[in-house]
Protein backbone atom coordinates (compact mmCIF):
# COMPACT_ATOMS: atom_id res chain seq x y z
CA MET A 1 -35.39 -13.01 -5.88
CA PRO A 2 -35.62 -16.60 -4.58
CA GLY A 3 -34.44 -17.38 -1.11
CA ILE A 4 -31.85 -20.23 -0.64
CA LYS A 5 -31.05 -22.28 2.34
CA ILE A 6 -27.85 -23.87 3.39
CA GLU A 7 -28.67 -26.86 5.41
CA ASP A 8 -26.39 -29.36 6.86
CA ALA A 9 -26.62 -30.78 10.28
CA GLY A 10 -22.87 -31.19 10.45
CA LEU A 11 -22.29 -27.74 9.46
CA TRP A 12 -23.81 -25.59 11.97
CA PRO A 13 -26.11 -26.09 14.97
CA ALA A 14 -29.86 -25.81 14.11
CA ASP A 15 -30.20 -22.34 15.37
CA ASP A 16 -27.22 -21.17 13.07
CA VAL A 17 -28.85 -22.68 9.95
CA CYS A 18 -29.63 -19.69 7.86
CA SER A 19 -31.94 -18.66 5.05
CA LEU A 20 -30.83 -15.73 2.92
CA VAL A 21 -31.88 -14.02 -0.17
CA ALA A 22 -29.43 -14.49 -3.04
CA PRO A 23 -29.72 -14.34 -6.78
CA ILE A 24 -28.30 -17.83 -7.60
CA SER A 25 -28.29 -21.31 -6.16
CA LEU A 26 -25.53 -21.92 -3.58
CA SER A 27 -24.15 -25.32 -2.91
CA VAL A 28 -21.54 -26.33 -0.35
CA PRO A 29 -18.84 -28.77 -1.61
CA ALA A 30 -18.13 -31.41 1.10
CA GLU A 31 -14.57 -30.87 1.06
CA CYS A 32 -14.96 -27.13 1.87
CA GLU A 33 -17.17 -27.48 4.88
CA PRO A 34 -15.82 -25.92 8.00
CA GLN A 35 -15.13 -28.42 10.77
CA ARG A 36 -15.38 -28.05 14.57
CA GLU A 37 -12.15 -29.83 15.41
CA ILE A 38 -8.80 -29.68 13.95
CA PRO A 39 -7.87 -33.03 12.46
CA ALA A 40 -5.11 -34.78 14.55
CA ARG A 41 -2.77 -35.07 11.51
CA ARG A 42 -2.79 -31.35 10.79
CA LYS A 43 -1.14 -28.68 12.66
CA ARG A 44 -2.61 -25.13 13.06
CA MET A 45 -0.58 -22.21 11.71
CA SER A 46 -0.38 -20.73 15.28
CA ASP A 47 1.64 -23.58 16.44
CA THR A 48 4.55 -22.30 14.43
CA MET A 49 3.93 -18.45 13.85
CA LEU A 50 1.48 -15.73 14.31
CA THR A 51 -0.54 -14.77 11.09
CA LEU A 52 -2.97 -11.79 10.90
CA GLY A 53 -5.75 -14.10 11.67
CA ASP A 54 -4.05 -15.66 14.69
CA ALA A 55 -3.10 -12.14 16.00
CA LEU A 56 -6.91 -11.02 15.80
CA ARG A 57 -7.88 -14.05 17.65
CA VAL A 58 -5.50 -13.41 20.45
CA ASN A 59 -6.29 -9.81 20.61
CA ALA A 60 -10.08 -10.66 20.89
CA LEU A 61 -9.28 -12.93 23.82
CA LYS A 62 -7.02 -10.49 25.64
CA ARG A 63 -8.76 -7.18 24.70
CA PRO A 64 -12.34 -8.05 23.85
CA ASP A 65 -13.88 -4.71 24.46
CA ARG A 66 -11.00 -2.57 23.27
CA PRO A 67 -11.65 -0.54 20.01
CA CYS A 68 -10.48 -2.32 16.90
CA LEU A 69 -11.91 -0.93 13.79
CA ALA A 70 -14.02 2.39 13.10
CA ASP A 71 -15.24 4.52 10.36
CA PRO A 72 -17.48 7.57 10.38
CA ASN A 73 -20.63 5.41 10.98
CA ARG A 74 -19.47 2.35 13.03
CA ARG A 75 -17.16 1.37 15.98
CA LEU A 76 -16.26 -2.36 16.50
CA THR A 77 -14.36 -3.90 19.34
CA PHE A 78 -11.77 -6.62 18.77
CA SER A 79 -14.38 -9.16 19.98
CA GLU A 80 -16.83 -7.85 17.43
CA VAL A 81 -14.44 -7.91 14.56
CA ASN A 82 -13.04 -11.29 15.39
CA SER A 83 -16.61 -12.66 15.35
CA ARG A 84 -17.46 -10.90 12.11
CA VAL A 85 -14.25 -12.25 10.45
CA ASN A 86 -14.98 -15.81 11.61
CA ARG A 87 -18.50 -15.59 10.30
CA LEU A 88 -17.11 -14.13 7.01
CA ALA A 89 -14.49 -17.08 6.87
CA HIS A 90 -17.26 -19.78 7.35
CA GLY A 91 -19.47 -17.92 4.81
CA LEU A 92 -16.80 -18.08 2.28
CA LEU A 93 -16.25 -21.80 2.94
CA ALA A 94 -19.96 -22.29 2.38
CA LEU A 95 -19.53 -20.51 -0.97
CA GLY A 96 -17.04 -23.14 -2.01
CA CYS A 97 -13.83 -21.36 -1.23
CA ALA A 98 -10.76 -23.68 -0.79
CA PRO A 99 -7.20 -22.82 0.50
CA THR A 100 -5.79 -22.91 -3.12
CA ASP A 101 -8.31 -20.21 -4.25
CA ALA A 102 -7.70 -16.51 -4.68
CA ILE A 103 -10.05 -13.64 -3.80
CA ALA A 104 -9.50 -10.37 -5.49
CA ILE A 105 -10.70 -7.00 -4.20
CA TYR A 106 -11.55 -3.95 -6.41
CA ALA A 107 -12.87 -1.47 -3.79
CA ARG A 108 -12.14 1.59 -1.77
CA ASN A 109 -11.10 1.51 1.79
CA SER A 110 -13.56 0.03 4.24
CA ILE A 111 -13.86 -2.02 7.45
CA GLU A 112 -15.03 -4.88 5.23
CA TYR A 113 -11.74 -4.60 3.31
CA LEU A 114 -9.71 -5.27 6.48
CA GLU A 115 -12.12 -8.00 7.52
CA MET A 116 -11.44 -9.83 4.29
CA PHE A 117 -7.58 -9.51 4.84
CA HIS A 118 -8.09 -11.36 8.17
CA ALA A 119 -10.55 -13.96 6.77
CA CYS A 120 -8.18 -14.86 4.10
CA ALA A 121 -5.33 -15.27 6.54
CA LYS A 122 -7.61 -17.50 8.62
CA LEU A 123 -8.55 -19.78 5.60
CA GLY A 124 -5.21 -19.69 3.78
CA LEU A 125 -6.49 -17.92 0.69
CA ARG A 126 -4.49 -15.75 -1.63
CA PHE A 127 -5.79 -12.13 -1.44
CA VAL A 128 -5.17 -9.98 -4.48
CA THR A 129 -5.65 -6.21 -3.83
CA LEU A 130 -6.42 -4.30 -7.04
CA ASN A 131 -6.04 -0.58 -7.62
CA PHE A 132 -9.50 0.86 -7.66
CA TRP A 133 -8.41 3.75 -9.55
CA HIS A 134 -7.88 1.49 -12.61
CA ARG A 135 -10.18 1.63 -15.54
CA LEU A 136 -12.37 -1.48 -15.73
CA SER A 137 -10.43 -2.69 -18.87
CA GLU A 138 -7.20 -2.41 -16.71
CA MET A 139 -8.84 -4.22 -13.74
CA GLU A 140 -9.99 -7.09 -16.29
CA VAL A 141 -6.40 -7.73 -17.43
CA LEU A 142 -5.15 -8.01 -13.78
CA PHE A 143 -7.98 -10.04 -12.46
CA ASN A 144 -7.56 -12.51 -15.22
CA HIS A 145 -3.79 -12.60 -14.83
CA SER A 146 -4.21 -13.22 -11.06
CA GLU A 147 -6.41 -16.31 -11.54
CA ALA A 148 -8.80 -15.22 -8.77
CA SER A 149 -12.07 -17.11 -8.49
CA TRP A 150 -13.90 -14.31 -6.51
CA LEU A 151 -14.08 -10.55 -6.78
CA VAL A 152 -15.02 -8.16 -3.94
CA VAL A 153 -16.53 -4.79 -5.15
CA ASP A 154 -18.27 -1.72 -3.66
CA GLU A 155 -22.04 -1.64 -3.91
CA ALA A 156 -21.84 1.40 -6.33
CA ASP A 157 -19.57 -0.58 -8.80
CA GLN A 158 -21.41 -3.85 -8.98
CA ASP A 159 -23.32 -3.04 -12.14
CA ARG A 160 -20.31 -1.86 -14.06
CA VAL A 161 -18.27 -4.93 -13.03
CA ALA A 162 -21.15 -7.16 -13.93
CA GLU A 163 -20.88 -6.18 -17.52
CA LEU A 164 -17.33 -7.70 -17.53
CA ARG A 165 -18.38 -11.11 -16.28
CA LEU A 166 -18.17 -12.77 -19.71
CA ARG A 167 -14.56 -11.57 -20.02
CA LEU A 168 -13.64 -12.96 -16.62
CA PRO A 169 -13.65 -16.65 -17.34
CA LYS A 170 -12.49 -17.86 -13.98
CA LEU A 171 -14.85 -15.54 -11.96
CA ARG A 172 -17.27 -17.73 -9.85
CA GLY A 173 -18.97 -14.85 -8.15
CA LEU A 174 -19.09 -11.34 -6.89
CA ILE A 175 -19.02 -10.36 -3.27
CA VAL A 176 -20.51 -6.93 -2.57
CA VAL A 177 -19.55 -4.59 0.29
CA GLY A 178 -23.16 -3.57 0.87
CA THR A 179 -26.26 -4.84 -0.81
CA ALA A 180 -26.06 -7.12 -3.85
CA ASP A 181 -28.71 -6.51 -6.37
CA ILE A 182 -27.46 -8.24 -9.60
CA GLU A 183 -27.39 -11.94 -10.40
CA GLY A 184 -24.49 -13.89 -9.31
CA ALA A 185 -23.63 -11.55 -6.43
CA TYR A 186 -23.66 -12.00 -2.70
CA SER A 187 -24.20 -9.31 -0.09
CA TRP A 188 -21.57 -9.04 2.58
CA THR A 189 -24.27 -9.17 5.41
CA ASP A 190 -25.82 -12.28 3.96
CA ILE A 191 -22.49 -14.08 3.96
CA LEU A 192 -21.91 -13.20 7.46
CA ALA A 193 -25.52 -14.32 8.35
CA CYS A 194 -24.63 -17.73 7.12
CA GLY A 195 -21.24 -18.14 9.15
CA HIS A 196 -20.88 -18.87 12.84
CA GLU A 197 -18.40 -17.37 15.33
CA GLY A 198 -16.24 -20.35 15.91
CA GLU A 199 -12.62 -20.23 14.66
CA PRO A 200 -12.25 -21.97 11.30
CA SER A 201 -10.24 -25.17 11.59
CA VAL A 202 -8.17 -24.66 8.53
CA ALA A 203 -4.55 -25.66 8.39
CA VAL A 204 -2.46 -22.89 6.68
CA ASP A 205 0.75 -23.64 4.82
CA LYS A 206 3.15 -20.76 5.95
CA ASN A 207 4.99 -20.76 2.56
CA ALA A 208 1.64 -20.46 0.56
CA PRO A 209 1.00 -17.18 -1.31
CA PHE A 210 -1.03 -14.78 0.77
CA TRP A 211 -0.98 -11.19 -0.01
CA MET A 212 -0.69 -10.30 -3.85
CA MET A 213 -0.51 -6.93 -5.44
CA TYR A 214 0.33 -5.26 -8.62
CA THR A 215 3.22 -2.70 -8.33
CA SER A 216 2.59 0.87 -8.86
CA GLY A 217 5.93 0.96 -10.57
CA THR A 218 6.33 3.72 -13.13
CA THR A 219 8.25 1.62 -15.64
CA GLY A 220 7.07 -1.27 -17.70
CA SER A 221 4.03 -3.22 -17.43
CA PRO A 222 2.37 -4.07 -13.96
CA LYS A 223 3.86 -6.96 -12.17
CA GLY A 224 1.85 -9.21 -9.79
CA LEU A 225 4.00 -9.95 -6.85
CA TYR A 226 3.12 -11.95 -3.70
CA ARG A 227 4.24 -12.68 -0.16
CA SER A 228 3.84 -15.87 1.58
CA PHE A 229 2.12 -15.97 4.99
CA LEU A 230 5.53 -16.21 6.48
CA ARG A 231 7.10 -13.43 4.65
CA THR A 232 3.99 -11.23 5.32
CA SER A 233 4.47 -11.96 9.14
CA LEU A 234 8.18 -11.20 9.01
CA CYS A 235 7.65 -7.83 7.21
CA LEU A 236 4.86 -7.00 9.82
CA TRP A 237 7.02 -7.91 12.92
CA ALA A 238 10.22 -6.05 11.51
CA GLY A 239 8.02 -3.00 10.91
CA MET A 240 6.47 -3.14 14.46
CA ILE A 241 9.96 -3.08 15.87
CA GLU A 242 11.26 -0.28 13.67
CA PHE A 243 8.29 2.17 14.02
CA GLY A 244 7.49 1.19 17.62
CA TYR A 245 3.58 0.88 17.34
CA ARG A 246 1.82 0.46 20.72
CA ARG A 247 -1.37 -1.33 21.77
CA ASN A 248 -2.85 2.09 22.64
CA ASP A 249 -2.30 3.54 19.19
CA SER A 250 -5.01 4.90 17.12
CA PHE A 251 -4.14 4.82 13.39
CA LEU A 252 -5.96 6.94 10.75
CA ALA A 253 -5.81 4.92 7.51
CA VAL A 254 -6.37 7.18 4.58
CA SER A 255 -4.03 5.68 1.91
CA PRO A 256 -5.54 3.03 -0.46
CA PHE A 257 -5.50 -0.46 1.01
CA PHE A 258 -4.35 -1.94 -2.25
CA HIS A 259 -0.92 -0.59 -1.43
CA GLY A 260 2.03 -2.01 0.50
CA VAL A 261 1.61 0.63 3.06
CA THR A 262 -1.47 -1.24 4.39
CA PHE A 263 1.36 -3.07 6.22
CA LEU A 264 1.17 -0.13 8.70
CA PRO A 265 -2.42 -0.26 9.88
CA LEU A 266 -1.99 -3.97 10.04
CA MET A 267 1.05 -3.68 12.24
CA VAL A 268 -1.28 -1.38 14.67
CA LEU A 269 -3.98 -4.06 14.63
CA GLN A 270 -1.53 -6.74 15.54
CA THR A 271 -0.12 -4.85 18.44
CA GLY A 272 -3.73 -4.38 19.80
CA GLY A 273 -4.12 -0.76 18.63
CA SER A 274 -7.27 0.60 16.59
CA VAL A 275 -7.50 1.59 13.02
CA TYR A 276 -10.02 4.48 11.89
CA VAL A 277 -10.74 3.92 8.22
CA LEU A 278 -11.59 6.44 5.50
CA SER A 279 -12.59 5.79 2.04
CA GLU A 280 -10.79 8.77 0.66
CA PHE A 281 -8.50 11.72 1.49
CA VAL A 282 -10.56 14.95 2.27
CA PRO A 283 -8.30 17.44 4.15
CA GLU A 284 -11.09 18.99 6.20
CA GLN A 285 -12.30 15.59 7.30
CA VAL A 286 -8.78 14.30 8.11
CA ILE A 287 -8.06 17.21 10.36
CA SER A 288 -11.37 16.89 12.13
CA ILE A 289 -10.89 13.18 12.79
CA ILE A 290 -7.44 13.73 14.13
CA GLU A 291 -8.66 16.21 16.58
CA GLN A 292 -11.82 14.39 17.56
CA GLU A 293 -10.55 10.84 17.78
CA SER A 294 -7.11 11.65 19.31
CA ILE A 295 -5.39 9.94 16.53
CA SER A 296 -1.78 8.99 17.40
CA CYS A 297 -0.46 7.61 14.15
CA SER A 298 -0.95 7.85 10.33
CA PHE A 299 0.47 7.49 6.92
CA MET A 300 0.34 10.00 4.14
CA VAL A 301 2.28 10.28 0.84
CA PRO A 302 4.03 13.67 0.08
CA THR A 303 1.03 14.82 -2.15
CA THR A 304 -1.70 14.44 0.63
CA LEU A 305 0.76 16.14 3.09
CA SER A 306 0.90 19.11 0.75
CA MET A 307 -2.81 19.09 0.40
CA LEU A 308 -3.27 18.99 4.25
CA MET A 309 -0.95 22.06 4.46
CA SER A 310 -2.73 24.00 1.94
CA HIS A 311 -6.02 23.69 3.70
CA ALA A 312 -7.47 26.72 5.45
CA ARG A 313 -7.89 24.87 8.84
CA TYR A 314 -4.24 23.57 8.84
CA LYS A 315 -2.76 26.55 10.67
CA THR A 316 -5.22 26.41 13.48
CA ALA A 317 -5.69 22.62 13.72
CA ASP A 318 -4.66 20.70 16.91
CA PHE A 319 -2.35 17.90 16.17
CA SER A 320 -1.13 17.33 19.66
CA SER A 321 -2.31 13.77 19.75
CA LEU A 322 -0.12 12.74 16.90
CA ARG A 323 3.09 10.99 17.96
CA MET A 324 3.86 9.32 14.46
CA LEU A 325 3.40 10.38 11.05
CA VAL A 326 4.93 8.07 8.47
CA THR A 327 5.55 9.05 4.94
CA GLY A 328 6.99 7.62 1.76
CA GLY A 329 6.39 6.62 -1.76
CA SER A 330 8.28 9.55 -3.21
CA ALA A 331 10.58 12.21 -2.00
CA LEU A 332 9.33 14.62 0.61
CA PRO A 333 10.25 18.15 -0.46
CA THR A 334 12.43 19.90 2.25
CA LEU A 335 9.82 22.82 2.56
CA VAL A 336 6.92 20.46 3.36
CA LYS A 337 9.18 18.50 5.76
CA THR A 338 10.24 21.63 7.70
CA ASN A 339 6.54 22.89 7.73
CA ILE A 340 5.37 19.51 9.08
CA MET A 341 7.98 19.37 11.79
CA HIS A 342 7.28 22.92 12.85
CA LYS A 343 3.58 22.53 13.06
CA MET A 344 3.30 19.07 14.48
CA GLY A 345 6.58 18.53 16.20
CA PRO A 346 9.02 15.64 16.06
CA VAL A 347 6.51 13.14 14.54
CA LEU A 348 7.86 12.49 11.15
CA HIS A 349 9.19 9.18 10.00
CA GLU A 350 10.22 8.83 6.36
CA PHE A 351 10.83 5.39 4.77
CA TYR A 352 12.26 4.10 1.54
CA GLY A 353 11.18 0.82 0.17
CA ALA A 354 9.23 -0.73 -2.69
CA SER A 355 6.42 -3.15 -3.09
CA GLU A 356 8.89 -5.95 -3.54
CA SER A 357 11.34 -5.02 -0.81
CA GLY A 358 9.09 -3.83 2.00
CA PHE A 359 10.54 -1.18 4.45
CA ILE A 360 14.20 -0.75 3.88
CA THR A 361 15.33 2.54 5.45
CA VAL A 362 13.61 4.85 7.99
CA LEU A 363 14.60 8.37 8.80
CA HIS A 364 13.32 9.06 12.32
CA PRO A 365 12.35 12.46 13.72
CA ASP A 366 15.85 13.17 15.38
CA ASP A 367 17.50 12.95 12.08
CA GLN A 368 14.97 14.86 9.84
CA LEU A 369 16.46 18.19 9.82
CA ARG A 370 20.19 17.27 10.29
CA LYS A 371 20.10 14.75 7.40
CA GLU A 372 18.82 16.69 4.40
CA ARG A 373 17.52 14.66 1.42
CA CYS A 374 18.09 11.52 3.27
CA CYS A 375 15.87 8.51 3.71
CA GLY A 376 17.47 7.11 6.80
CA GLN A 377 19.38 4.07 7.98
CA PRO A 378 18.59 0.47 7.28
CA ALA A 379 15.37 -0.67 8.95
CA PHE A 380 15.29 -3.54 11.54
CA GLY A 381 15.99 -6.70 9.63
CA ALA A 382 17.14 -5.01 6.47
CA GLU A 383 20.45 -4.67 4.68
CA VAL A 384 21.69 -2.17 2.09
CA GLU A 385 24.43 -2.11 -0.37
CA ILE A 386 25.33 0.65 -2.89
CA ARG A 387 26.93 -1.06 -5.73
CA GLY A 388 28.99 0.18 -8.75
CA GLU A 389 28.61 -1.06 -12.41
CA ASN A 390 30.97 -4.04 -11.56
CA GLY A 391 28.41 -5.13 -9.04
CA ARG A 392 30.71 -4.53 -6.15
CA PRO A 393 30.05 -2.22 -3.22
CA VAL A 394 31.22 1.43 -3.62
CA ARG A 395 32.90 3.69 -1.02
CA PRO A 396 30.81 5.71 1.33
CA GLY A 397 29.67 8.90 -0.51
CA GLU A 398 29.91 7.40 -3.95
CA VAL A 399 26.75 7.06 -6.08
CA GLY A 400 25.63 3.46 -7.24
CA GLU A 401 22.59 1.16 -7.46
CA VAL A 402 20.74 0.49 -4.30
CA PHE A 403 20.42 -3.17 -3.58
CA THR A 404 18.42 -4.51 -0.52
CA ARG A 405 17.97 -7.68 1.29
CA CYS A 406 15.43 -8.57 4.04
CA GLU A 407 13.32 -11.60 5.04
CA GLY A 408 10.23 -9.55 4.75
CA ARG A 409 10.57 -9.22 1.10
CA PHE A 410 8.24 -10.57 -1.71
CA ASP A 411 8.51 -14.14 -2.52
CA ALA A 412 8.02 -14.06 -6.35
CA TYR A 413 6.35 -12.38 -9.35
CA PHE A 414 3.18 -14.43 -9.97
CA LYS A 415 3.72 -16.89 -12.87
CA ASP A 416 6.88 -15.19 -13.88
CA ALA A 417 10.04 -17.14 -12.72
CA LYS A 418 12.39 -15.45 -15.18
CA ARG A 419 11.40 -11.94 -13.89
CA THR A 420 11.81 -13.18 -10.34
CA ASP A 421 15.26 -14.58 -10.98
CA ALA A 422 16.27 -11.47 -12.67
CA ALA A 423 15.08 -9.28 -9.69
CA VAL A 424 16.24 -11.41 -6.87
CA GLN A 425 19.82 -12.62 -6.83
CA GLN A 426 21.10 -14.48 -3.79
CA GLY A 427 18.43 -12.76 -1.73
CA TRP A 428 19.24 -9.16 -2.93
CA PHE A 429 16.79 -7.08 -4.75
CA THR A 430 17.04 -3.84 -6.61
CA ALA A 431 14.24 -1.43 -7.72
CA GLY A 432 16.70 0.41 -10.09
CA ASP A 433 17.26 3.45 -7.75
CA LEU A 434 20.59 5.19 -7.55
CA GLY A 435 21.85 6.33 -4.23
CA ARG A 436 24.75 6.84 -1.86
CA MET A 437 25.42 6.01 1.81
CA ASP A 438 27.48 8.12 4.21
CA GLU A 439 29.88 6.89 6.83
CA GLN A 440 27.09 6.54 9.49
CA GLY A 441 25.02 4.18 7.21
CA PHE A 442 22.59 6.82 6.15
CA VAL A 443 21.18 6.29 2.62
CA TYR A 444 20.43 9.11 0.22
CA ILE A 445 18.31 8.24 -2.86
CA VAL A 446 19.74 10.34 -5.86
CA ASP A 447 17.22 9.14 -8.51
CA ARG A 448 15.81 6.31 -10.51
CA LYS A 449 18.36 4.89 -12.71
CA SER A 450 15.90 5.19 -15.68
CA ASP A 451 15.50 8.94 -14.89
CA LEU A 452 19.19 9.64 -15.09
CA ILE A 453 19.93 12.43 -17.58
CA ILE A 454 23.30 12.32 -19.54
CA SER A 455 24.04 15.70 -21.11
CA GLY A 456 27.56 16.07 -22.73
CA GLY A 457 28.81 13.17 -20.74
CA GLU A 458 27.65 14.49 -17.40
CA ASN A 459 25.36 12.61 -15.13
CA ILE A 460 22.58 14.83 -14.04
CA TYR A 461 20.10 13.67 -11.31
CA PRO A 462 16.46 15.22 -11.87
CA ARG A 463 15.65 15.00 -8.17
CA GLU A 464 18.41 17.53 -7.18
CA ILE A 465 16.90 20.10 -9.66
CA GLU A 466 13.39 19.30 -8.52
CA ASP A 467 14.42 20.03 -4.89
CA VAL A 468 15.61 23.48 -6.00
CA LEU A 469 12.51 24.25 -8.07
CA ARG A 470 10.17 23.37 -5.07
CA ASN A 471 11.94 26.09 -3.10
CA HIS A 472 10.54 28.74 -5.49
CA PRO A 473 7.46 30.24 -3.68
CA ALA A 474 5.67 30.46 -7.09
CA ILE A 475 6.12 26.65 -7.84
CA ALA A 476 3.44 24.21 -6.64
CA ASP A 477 4.85 21.21 -8.19
CA CYS A 478 7.45 20.15 -10.70
CA ALA A 479 9.17 17.31 -12.58
CA VAL A 480 12.49 17.31 -14.41
CA ILE A 481 13.19 14.99 -17.47
CA GLY A 482 15.75 14.47 -20.09
CA VAL A 483 14.76 15.33 -23.77
CA ALA A 484 16.66 14.64 -26.97
CA ASP A 485 19.38 17.40 -27.87
CA GLU A 486 21.44 17.22 -30.99
CA LEU A 487 24.43 18.76 -29.54
CA TRP A 488 24.45 17.37 -25.90
CA GLY A 489 22.63 14.14 -26.39
CA GLU A 490 20.09 15.14 -23.75
CA ALA A 491 18.94 18.50 -22.33
CA VAL A 492 17.16 19.21 -19.09
CA LYS A 493 13.49 20.08 -19.22
CA ALA A 494 11.36 21.19 -16.39
CA VAL A 495 7.67 20.59 -16.23
CA VAL A 496 6.23 23.22 -13.79
CA VAL A 497 2.87 23.60 -12.13
CA ALA A 498 2.76 27.31 -10.95
CA GLN A 499 0.83 28.32 -7.87
CA ALA A 500 -2.51 29.88 -8.66
CA GLY A 501 -2.48 33.54 -9.62
CA SER A 502 1.31 33.58 -10.16
CA SER A 503 2.88 35.36 -13.15
CA LEU A 504 5.86 32.90 -13.27
CA SER A 505 7.67 32.76 -16.62
CA PRO A 506 10.17 30.35 -18.10
CA HIS A 507 12.95 32.95 -17.58
CA ASP A 508 12.07 33.08 -13.92
CA VAL A 509 12.35 29.28 -13.52
CA ILE A 510 15.71 29.19 -15.29
CA ALA A 511 17.14 32.27 -13.41
CA HIS A 512 16.15 30.46 -10.03
CA CYS A 513 18.02 27.33 -11.08
CA SER A 514 21.04 29.28 -12.33
CA ALA A 515 21.30 30.78 -8.81
CA HIS A 516 21.54 27.46 -7.10
CA LEU A 517 22.78 24.97 -9.70
CA ALA A 518 25.82 24.42 -11.92
CA GLY A 519 25.24 25.76 -15.54
CA PHE A 520 25.03 22.17 -17.06
CA LYS A 521 22.20 21.25 -14.51
CA ARG A 522 20.08 24.29 -15.51
CA PRO A 523 16.87 23.55 -17.50
CA LYS A 524 17.03 24.43 -21.18
CA HIS A 525 13.31 24.12 -21.62
CA VAL A 526 10.46 24.89 -19.29
CA GLU A 527 6.98 23.75 -19.81
CA PHE A 528 3.92 24.84 -17.70
CA ALA A 529 1.19 22.33 -16.84
CA SER A 530 -1.94 22.51 -14.80
CA ALA A 531 -1.14 19.16 -13.07
CA LEU A 532 1.41 16.32 -13.32
CA PRO A 533 0.38 12.89 -14.10
CA LYS A 534 0.86 10.74 -10.99
CA ASN A 535 0.10 7.09 -9.95
CA ALA A 536 -1.72 6.18 -6.75
CA SER A 537 1.41 6.53 -4.69
CA GLY A 538 1.88 10.13 -5.76
CA LYS A 539 4.89 9.34 -8.12
CA VAL A 540 5.11 11.28 -11.16
CA LEU A 541 4.64 9.29 -14.24
CA LYS A 542 7.71 10.69 -16.03
CA ALA A 543 7.32 8.19 -18.98
CA GLN A 544 4.09 10.10 -19.85
CA LEU A 545 5.91 13.47 -19.65
CA ARG A 546 8.85 12.04 -21.96
CA SER A 547 6.35 10.66 -24.36
CA ARG A 548 4.76 14.14 -25.14
CA SER A 549 7.95 16.05 -25.23
């Protein structure tokens, strides 16, 4: 492949002019050239607030040699990461990226993923995080909807993604985490090699879109939502106060970075702590890293916590370094919660929230066992109201729809003002969950409004039945849905995953429920499955279960 040179006497010093191997010609638009000085008429973002990029710069100045990012093969200090991010930012400018552009990423967790987060923050770019578990055809739809110009992919996926290029009309180029070996793609290291370590002199509009993601919601079509630089920072700051992260924390990142829970490792980095990155969840590896790296914090969804507990090493593992284990995304079964608290101590923090809302409630360790099936009190900066069908707040203990308000919420659905206006009314947002609040302000999520079963005029909440089912020693997983019934309108159906080797029967399931639930809540139908369909957050896709019933 031919070599190309980026040469501009005003762009970098002579010793920074680079020659790299790339498959296509690269030109640098004059308006995108990085500049050494900030124009007098423009104000830096850090004059008004602290973005991810600003926080990295400050930590690199104050804590240059402290650990920042690591993976099984690399360890980087704050100074090294900031230098790499600055080189990446200048390299992106050289490629022609402008503040109005968007960069999408379709890749697994990596150090580079977090570097791109921070580079986009320094350049004022919109960063679109796509679910790497989506099929390419699904990714194609989301990428085109996002109007991104650049796509970051893993080295192993570049050939497959390249086949889509004709169906991605706004794509200007691929950026490969690793080595690019296809036409029109750029290697990460080559982009870094063309940048310099000086801070980019780009003025960032605090109200401009920054982080955009597609919801993992289990209802309807995917929605692209974004937060501005301002609201991203507000969500980070509120979370840092609520969870109490410290500058000596070491966070193990195992959940996919395309999710909103990536706020958690970003909080740790802002405080000056370090993040250890894993590309996938492997229980044996997770246990070893917690022990060897003295990990103090992590986030795991209930599904991965169950996988961790089921591993042979769990009972003898040393979790003494852990001081905080955050969970969320779906309800944590009581048995799992009790097991975690017994094995690891008072480390469990359970939150409720949505991609749109951010962190709304948090149940801290002191309340875990005394507040059963509870998701905590409103988080710092958040308000919660439980409203009846008339739109007014209900009394404590009564079930209603959960409405939330906080300054760290999303700004809007991308290119969908009508949907935004319907979801956010006078600053209040609802995800369609039903819940109640007690006299102390603790919130209990009863179920999703769309999952409510009405049988013979009685409201039945599937989550209550699922909690009972999970207490059966022969049941590994379960989901409860409503199915059509000529007499009652709807009937309760339990879809059960039995423990390996068990001889569980439908009669056993129904009898267990009969011993703990009122008769009208007892399942009339029981189906056994090898596994339940779930999304990336671990939420059961009940629409799929209903469609095949």
